[in-house]
Amino acid sequence: MIQRIQSIWLLLASVAAFSVLRLPFYYTPSVPALEISGSENLTTLITLAFSACLSFITIFLYGNRMLQLKVVLVNFLLSILIGFFIYKIAIANPGGGFTLSSAALFAIPVLQILAIVKIYKDERLVKSADRLR
């Protein structure tokens, strides 16, 4: 399970999503200063928590690679939706900027794409080994 590289990518995506829940990703220096984290908005909180849990649960679907691939694809689309929610929050609070911890927010879809690629390569490898038998 953990020997497979896609498990590492999924674990990192889960950790990144949980860190966005705790750490502020957007800061406005104007008075009053705002530090916005993923838990400030209810929709962002629910989607981030669901995405983080889904990434972690997907690690244990290693026995069924095609199901794992489908779940990671759905989670990738969910992370795109999270990006849209974050964009709406940034537009609603002008004059601010993203913090250094927001890199985790942008890393979530990248880590999921890396997991998708590795799951697909693993599936191709198994199919080619079955063909040789």
N, C-alpha and C. Protein backbone atom coordinates (compact mmCIF):
# COMPACT_ATOMS: atom_id res chain seq x y z
N MET A 1 0.83 -1.18 0.00
CA MET A 1 0.00 0.00 0.00
C MET A 1 0.87 1.25 0.00
N ILE A 2 1.67 1.47 1.03
CA ILE A 2 2.45 2.71 1.12
C ILE A 2 3.69 2.64 0.21
N GLN A 3 4.04 1.43 -0.29
CA GLN A 3 5.18 1.34 -1.19
C GLN A 3 4.87 1.99 -2.54
N ARG A 4 3.61 2.08 -2.87
CA ARG A 4 3.23 2.62 -4.16
C ARG A 4 3.30 4.14 -4.09
N ILE A 5 3.87 4.73 -5.11
CA ILE A 5 4.12 6.18 -5.11
C ILE A 5 2.81 6.97 -5.11
N GLN A 6 1.75 6.40 -5.71
CA GLN A 6 0.48 7.15 -5.71
C GLN A 6 -0.08 7.28 -4.29
N SER A 7 0.26 6.35 -3.42
CA SER A 7 -0.17 6.48 -2.02
C SER A 7 0.51 7.67 -1.35
N ILE A 8 1.77 7.88 -1.70
CA ILE A 8 2.49 9.04 -1.16
C ILE A 8 1.87 10.34 -1.66
N TRP A 9 1.56 10.40 -2.97
CA TRP A 9 0.96 11.62 -3.53
C TRP A 9 -0.40 11.88 -2.90
N LEU A 10 -1.19 10.83 -2.70
CA LEU A 10 -2.51 11.01 -2.09
C LEU A 10 -2.40 11.43 -0.62
N LEU A 11 -1.43 10.88 0.09
CA LEU A 11 -1.23 11.27 1.47
C LEU A 11 -0.80 12.74 1.56
N LEU A 12 0.07 13.17 0.66
CA LEU A 12 0.50 14.56 0.64
C LEU A 12 -0.66 15.50 0.27
N ALA A 13 -1.53 15.06 -0.65
CA ALA A 13 -2.71 15.87 -1.01
C ALA A 13 -3.65 15.99 0.18
N SER A 14 -3.80 14.92 0.94
CA SER A 14 -4.64 14.96 2.13
C SER A 14 -4.06 15.90 3.19
N VAL A 15 -2.76 15.82 3.40
CA VAL A 15 -2.10 16.70 4.38
C VAL A 15 -2.22 18.17 3.93
N ALA A 16 -2.06 18.40 2.63
CA ALA A 16 -2.18 19.77 2.11
C ALA A 16 -3.59 20.31 2.32
N ALA A 17 -4.61 19.49 2.08
CA ALA A 17 -5.98 19.94 2.26
C ALA A 17 -6.27 20.22 3.74
N PHE A 18 -5.77 19.36 4.63
CA PHE A 18 -5.98 19.61 6.06
C PHE A 18 -5.23 20.87 6.51
N SER A 19 -4.07 21.14 5.92
CA SER A 19 -3.32 22.34 6.31
C SER A 19 -4.01 23.61 5.84
N VAL A 20 -4.70 23.55 4.70
CA VAL A 20 -5.44 24.72 4.23
C VAL A 20 -6.61 25.02 5.17
N LEU A 21 -7.13 23.98 5.81
CA LEU A 21 -8.20 24.20 6.79
C LEU A 21 -7.71 25.00 7.99
N ARG A 22 -6.48 24.79 8.41
CA ARG A 22 -5.96 25.42 9.61
C ARG A 22 -5.21 26.72 9.35
N LEU A 23 -4.38 26.74 8.33
CA LEU A 23 -3.51 27.89 8.07
C LEU A 23 -4.22 28.92 7.20
N PRO A 24 -3.97 30.21 7.41
CA PRO A 24 -4.60 31.23 6.56
C PRO A 24 -3.99 31.21 5.16
N PHE A 25 -4.86 31.31 4.16
CA PHE A 25 -4.38 31.32 2.79
C PHE A 25 -4.54 32.68 2.13
N TYR A 26 -5.27 33.57 2.75
CA TYR A 26 -5.49 34.90 2.17
C TYR A 26 -5.41 35.93 3.29
N TYR A 27 -4.77 37.04 3.01
CA TYR A 27 -4.54 38.07 4.02
C TYR A 27 -4.85 39.43 3.42
N THR A 28 -5.62 40.23 4.14
CA THR A 28 -5.86 41.61 3.73
C THR A 28 -5.26 42.53 4.78
N PRO A 29 -4.33 43.39 4.39
CA PRO A 29 -3.67 44.26 5.36
C PRO A 29 -4.49 45.49 5.76
N SER A 30 -5.58 45.74 5.07
CA SER A 30 -6.37 46.93 5.39
C SER A 30 -7.05 46.76 6.76
N VAL A 31 -7.48 47.89 7.31
CA VAL A 31 -8.11 47.87 8.62
C VAL A 31 -9.57 47.47 8.44
N PRO A 32 -10.11 46.53 9.09
CA PRO A 32 -9.48 45.55 9.98
C PRO A 32 -8.78 44.47 9.16
N ALA A 33 -7.63 44.06 9.62
CA ALA A 33 -6.85 43.04 8.92
C ALA A 33 -7.56 41.68 9.02
N LEU A 34 -7.62 40.99 7.90
CA LEU A 34 -8.28 39.69 7.85
C LEU A 34 -7.27 38.62 7.47
N GLU A 35 -7.33 37.52 8.16
CA GLU A 35 -6.61 36.31 7.76
C GLU A 35 -7.67 35.25 7.52
N ILE A 36 -7.80 34.83 6.28
CA ILE A 36 -8.87 33.91 5.92
C ILE A 36 -8.27 32.52 5.75
N SER A 37 -8.84 31.55 6.48
CA SER A 37 -8.43 30.16 6.35
C SER A 37 -9.59 29.38 5.72
N GLY A 38 -9.37 28.11 5.49
CA GLY A 38 -10.39 27.29 4.86
C GLY A 38 -11.60 27.05 5.73
N SER A 39 -11.48 27.28 7.02
CA SER A 39 -12.61 27.03 7.91
C SER A 39 -13.49 28.27 8.10
N GLU A 40 -13.20 29.37 7.43
CA GLU A 40 -13.99 30.59 7.58
C GLU A 40 -15.34 30.49 6.87
N ASN A 41 -15.36 29.89 5.70
CA ASN A 41 -16.56 29.80 4.89
C ASN A 41 -17.09 28.37 4.98
N LEU A 42 -18.39 28.19 5.15
CA LEU A 42 -18.96 26.86 5.35
C LEU A 42 -18.78 25.96 4.13
N THR A 43 -19.00 26.49 2.93
CA THR A 43 -18.85 25.66 1.74
C THR A 43 -17.39 25.25 1.54
N THR A 44 -16.47 26.15 1.79
CA THR A 44 -15.05 25.83 1.67
C THR A 44 -14.65 24.81 2.73
N LEU A 45 -15.17 24.97 3.93
CA LEU A 45 -14.88 24.02 5.01
C LEU A 45 -15.34 22.62 4.65
N ILE A 46 -16.57 22.50 4.17
CA ILE A 46 -17.12 21.19 3.84
C ILE A 46 -16.37 20.56 2.68
N THR A 47 -16.12 21.32 1.62
CA THR A 47 -15.45 20.74 0.46
C THR A 47 -14.00 20.39 0.75
N LEU A 48 -13.30 21.22 1.51
CA LEU A 48 -11.91 20.90 1.87
C LEU A 48 -11.83 19.68 2.77
N ALA A 49 -12.71 19.59 3.76
CA ALA A 49 -12.70 18.44 4.66
C ALA A 49 -13.05 17.17 3.89
N PHE A 50 -14.03 17.25 3.00
CA PHE A 50 -14.40 16.08 2.20
C PHE A 50 -13.27 15.67 1.27
N SER A 51 -12.62 16.64 0.65
CA SER A 51 -11.51 16.34 -0.25
C SER A 51 -10.34 15.71 0.50
N ALA A 52 -10.04 16.23 1.69
CA ALA A 52 -8.94 15.68 2.48
C ALA A 52 -9.24 14.25 2.92
N CYS A 53 -10.46 14.02 3.38
CA CYS A 53 -10.84 12.67 3.79
C CYS A 53 -10.89 11.72 2.61
N LEU A 54 -11.38 12.20 1.47
CA LEU A 54 -11.44 11.36 0.28
C LEU A 54 -10.05 10.99 -0.22
N SER A 55 -9.12 11.91 -0.15
CA SER A 55 -7.74 11.59 -0.53
C SER A 55 -7.15 10.53 0.38
N PHE A 56 -7.43 10.65 1.67
CA PHE A 56 -6.88 9.67 2.61
C PHE A 56 -7.54 8.31 2.44
N ILE A 57 -8.84 8.27 2.24
CA ILE A 57 -9.55 7.00 2.06
C ILE A 57 -9.13 6.32 0.76
N THR A 58 -8.84 7.10 -0.26
CA THR A 58 -8.47 6.55 -1.56
C THR A 58 -7.16 5.76 -1.49
N ILE A 59 -6.32 6.06 -0.54
CA ILE A 59 -5.07 5.32 -0.38
C ILE A 59 -5.36 3.84 -0.17
N PHE A 60 -6.43 3.54 0.55
CA PHE A 60 -6.75 2.16 0.90
C PHE A 60 -7.53 1.42 -0.17
N LEU A 61 -7.75 2.04 -1.32
CA LEU A 61 -8.41 1.39 -2.45
C LEU A 61 -7.38 0.82 -3.42
N TYR A 62 -6.19 0.50 -2.93
CA TYR A 62 -5.11 0.05 -3.80
C TYR A 62 -5.41 -1.29 -4.47
N GLY A 63 -6.31 -2.07 -3.94
CA GLY A 63 -6.65 -3.37 -4.54
C GLY A 63 -7.45 -3.23 -5.83
N ASN A 64 -8.20 -2.17 -5.96
CA ASN A 64 -9.01 -1.93 -7.14
C ASN A 64 -8.55 -0.61 -7.77
N ARG A 65 -7.59 -0.71 -8.67
CA ARG A 65 -6.97 0.49 -9.24
C ARG A 65 -7.94 1.34 -10.05
N MET A 66 -8.86 0.71 -10.77
CA MET A 66 -9.79 1.50 -11.58
C MET A 66 -10.75 2.31 -10.70
N LEU A 67 -11.20 1.71 -9.60
CA LEU A 67 -12.03 2.47 -8.66
C LEU A 67 -11.22 3.59 -8.03
N GLN A 68 -9.98 3.30 -7.69
CA GLN A 68 -9.10 4.31 -7.11
C GLN A 68 -8.90 5.46 -8.10
N LEU A 69 -8.74 5.14 -9.37
CA LEU A 69 -8.56 6.16 -10.40
C LEU A 69 -9.81 7.03 -10.52
N LYS A 70 -10.98 6.42 -10.50
CA LYS A 70 -12.22 7.19 -10.61
C LYS A 70 -12.43 8.10 -9.41
N VAL A 71 -12.12 7.60 -8.22
CA VAL A 71 -12.30 8.41 -7.01
C VAL A 71 -11.33 9.58 -7.02
N VAL A 72 -10.10 9.36 -7.46
CA VAL A 72 -9.14 10.45 -7.52
C VAL A 72 -9.55 11.48 -8.58
N LEU A 73 -10.13 11.03 -9.68
CA LEU A 73 -10.63 11.97 -10.68
C LEU A 73 -11.76 12.84 -10.12
N VAL A 74 -12.66 12.23 -9.38
CA VAL A 74 -13.74 13.00 -8.75
C VAL A 74 -13.15 13.98 -7.73
N ASN A 75 -12.16 13.52 -6.99
CA ASN A 75 -11.51 14.39 -6.01
C ASN A 75 -10.77 15.54 -6.69
N PHE A 76 -10.20 15.28 -7.85
CA PHE A 76 -9.54 16.35 -8.61
C PHE A 76 -10.57 17.41 -9.03
N LEU A 77 -11.73 16.97 -9.51
CA LEU A 77 -12.77 17.92 -9.87
C LEU A 77 -13.26 18.70 -8.65
N LEU A 78 -13.30 18.03 -7.52
CA LEU A 78 -13.67 18.70 -6.28
C LEU A 78 -12.63 19.76 -5.89
N SER A 79 -11.37 19.47 -6.12
CA SER A 79 -10.33 20.45 -5.80
C SER A 79 -10.39 21.65 -6.74
N ILE A 80 -10.82 21.43 -7.98
CA ILE A 80 -11.04 22.56 -8.89
C ILE A 80 -12.20 23.42 -8.36
N LEU A 81 -13.24 22.77 -7.84
CA LEU A 81 -14.36 23.50 -7.25
C LEU A 81 -13.90 24.29 -6.02
N ILE A 82 -13.01 23.72 -5.23
CA ILE A 82 -12.46 24.43 -4.08
C ILE A 82 -11.70 25.67 -4.55
N GLY A 83 -10.95 25.53 -5.64
CA GLY A 83 -10.25 26.68 -6.20
C GLY A 83 -11.21 27.79 -6.60
N PHE A 84 -12.37 27.41 -7.13
CA PHE A 84 -13.38 28.39 -7.50
C PHE A 84 -13.92 29.11 -6.25
N PHE A 85 -14.16 28.35 -5.18
CA PHE A 85 -14.62 28.95 -3.93
C PHE A 85 -13.58 29.92 -3.37
N ILE A 86 -12.32 29.54 -3.45
CA ILE A 86 -11.24 30.40 -2.95
C ILE A 86 -11.15 31.67 -3.80
N TYR A 87 -11.34 31.53 -5.10
CA TYR A 87 -11.35 32.68 -5.99
C TYR A 87 -12.47 33.65 -5.62
N LYS A 88 -13.65 33.11 -5.31
CA LYS A 88 -14.78 33.95 -4.91
C LYS A 88 -14.47 34.69 -3.60
N ILE A 89 -13.79 34.01 -2.67
CA ILE A 89 -13.41 34.66 -1.41
C ILE A 89 -12.41 35.78 -1.67
N ALA A 90 -11.46 35.53 -2.57
CA ALA A 90 -10.45 36.54 -2.89
C ALA A 90 -11.08 37.76 -3.57
N ILE A 91 -12.05 37.53 -4.42
CA ILE A 91 -12.73 38.64 -5.10
C ILE A 91 -13.57 39.45 -4.10
N ALA A 92 -14.16 38.78 -3.12
CA ALA A 92 -14.99 39.45 -2.13
C ALA A 92 -14.18 40.32 -1.17
N ASN A 93 -12.88 40.04 -1.05
CA ASN A 93 -12.00 40.80 -0.15
C ASN A 93 -10.86 41.42 -0.94
N PRO A 94 -11.11 42.54 -1.63
CA PRO A 94 -10.05 43.13 -2.45
C PRO A 94 -8.96 43.76 -1.60
N GLY A 95 -7.81 43.96 -2.22
CA GLY A 95 -6.71 44.62 -1.55
C GLY A 95 -5.82 43.69 -0.75
N GLY A 96 -6.05 42.42 -0.86
CA GLY A 96 -5.25 41.45 -0.11
C GLY A 96 -4.39 40.61 -1.03
N GLY A 97 -3.82 39.60 -0.48
CA GLY A 97 -2.99 38.71 -1.26
C GLY A 97 -2.93 37.33 -0.61
N PHE A 98 -2.44 36.40 -1.39
CA PHE A 98 -2.30 35.04 -0.90
C PHE A 98 -1.06 34.93 -0.03
N THR A 99 -1.14 34.13 1.01
CA THR A 99 -0.01 33.93 1.91
C THR A 99 0.85 32.78 1.41
N LEU A 100 1.95 32.56 2.08
CA LEU A 100 2.85 31.47 1.71
C LEU A 100 2.20 30.12 1.92
N SER A 101 1.35 30.00 2.91
CA SER A 101 0.69 28.72 3.17
C SER A 101 -0.36 28.38 2.11
N SER A 102 -0.70 29.32 1.24
CA SER A 102 -1.65 29.03 0.17
C SER A 102 -1.03 28.15 -0.91
N ALA A 103 0.27 27.94 -0.85
CA ALA A 103 0.91 27.02 -1.80
C ALA A 103 0.34 25.62 -1.65
N ALA A 104 -0.08 25.27 -0.44
CA ALA A 104 -0.71 23.96 -0.22
C ALA A 104 -2.02 23.88 -0.99
N LEU A 105 -2.73 24.99 -1.09
CA LEU A 105 -3.99 25.03 -1.82
C LEU A 105 -3.76 24.73 -3.30
N PHE A 106 -2.69 25.29 -3.85
CA PHE A 106 -2.40 25.07 -5.26
C PHE A 106 -1.72 23.73 -5.51
N ALA A 107 -1.18 23.13 -4.45
CA ALA A 107 -0.51 21.83 -4.59
C ALA A 107 -1.49 20.67 -4.61
N ILE A 108 -2.68 20.85 -4.07
CA ILE A 108 -3.64 19.75 -3.98
C ILE A 108 -3.96 19.17 -5.36
N PRO A 109 -4.39 19.97 -6.36
CA PRO A 109 -4.68 19.38 -7.66
C PRO A 109 -3.44 18.81 -8.35
N VAL A 110 -2.29 19.42 -8.13
CA VAL A 110 -1.06 18.91 -8.74
C VAL A 110 -0.72 17.53 -8.19
N LEU A 111 -0.84 17.37 -6.89
CA LEU A 111 -0.56 16.08 -6.27
C LEU A 111 -1.57 15.03 -6.71
N GLN A 112 -2.80 15.43 -6.91
CA GLN A 112 -3.81 14.48 -7.39
C GLN A 112 -3.55 14.07 -8.83
N ILE A 113 -3.08 15.00 -9.66
CA ILE A 113 -2.73 14.64 -11.04
C ILE A 113 -1.56 13.66 -11.04
N LEU A 114 -0.57 13.90 -10.18
CA LEU A 114 0.55 12.96 -10.09
C LEU A 114 0.07 11.58 -9.66
N ALA A 115 -0.88 11.51 -8.75
CA ALA A 115 -1.43 10.23 -8.32
C ALA A 115 -2.19 9.56 -9.46
N ILE A 116 -2.95 10.34 -10.23
CA ILE A 116 -3.70 9.79 -11.36
C ILE A 116 -2.75 9.17 -12.37
N VAL A 117 -1.67 9.88 -12.67
CA VAL A 117 -0.68 9.37 -13.64
C VAL A 117 -0.07 8.06 -13.15
N LYS A 118 0.29 8.00 -11.88
CA LYS A 118 0.92 6.79 -11.35
C LYS A 118 -0.06 5.62 -11.27
N ILE A 119 -1.31 5.89 -10.93
CA ILE A 119 -2.32 4.83 -10.90
C ILE A 119 -2.52 4.28 -12.31
N TYR A 120 -2.59 5.16 -13.28
CA TYR A 120 -2.76 4.73 -14.67
C TYR A 120 -1.56 3.90 -15.14
N LYS A 121 -0.35 4.33 -14.81
CA LYS A 121 0.84 3.57 -15.19
C LYS A 121 0.86 2.21 -14.51
N ASP A 122 0.44 2.16 -13.26
CA ASP A 122 0.37 0.90 -12.53
C ASP A 122 -0.63 -0.05 -13.18
N GLU A 123 -1.76 0.48 -13.59
CA GLU A 123 -2.78 -0.34 -14.27
C GLU A 123 -2.27 -0.86 -15.61
N ARG A 124 -1.57 -0.02 -16.34
CA ARG A 124 -0.98 -0.47 -17.62
C ARG A 124 0.05 -1.56 -17.41
N LEU A 125 0.85 -1.43 -16.36
CA LEU A 125 1.86 -2.43 -16.04
C LEU A 125 1.22 -3.77 -15.71
N VAL A 126 0.15 -3.75 -14.94
CA VAL A 126 -0.54 -5.00 -14.58
C VAL A 126 -1.18 -5.62 -15.82
N LYS A 127 -1.77 -4.81 -16.68
CA LYS A 127 -2.38 -5.34 -17.90
C LYS A 127 -1.33 -5.94 -18.82
N SER A 128 -0.15 -5.32 -18.92
CA SER A 128 0.89 -5.87 -19.79
C SER A 128 1.45 -7.16 -19.19
N ALA A 129 1.52 -7.26 -17.88
CA ALA A 129 1.98 -8.50 -17.24
C ALA A 129 0.96 -9.61 -17.44
N ASP A 130 -0.32 -9.29 -17.40
CA ASP A 130 -1.35 -10.29 -17.65
C ASP A 130 -1.32 -10.77 -19.09
N ARG A 131 -0.99 -9.88 -19.99
CA ARG A 131 -0.91 -10.23 -21.40
C ARG A 131 0.24 -11.21 -21.66
N LEU A 132 1.32 -11.08 -20.91
CA LEU A 132 2.48 -11.95 -21.10
C LEU A 132 2.25 -13.36 -20.56
N ARG A 133 1.32 -13.51 -19.64
CA ARG A 133 1.08 -14.84 -19.07
C ARG A 133 0.36 -15.71 -19.99
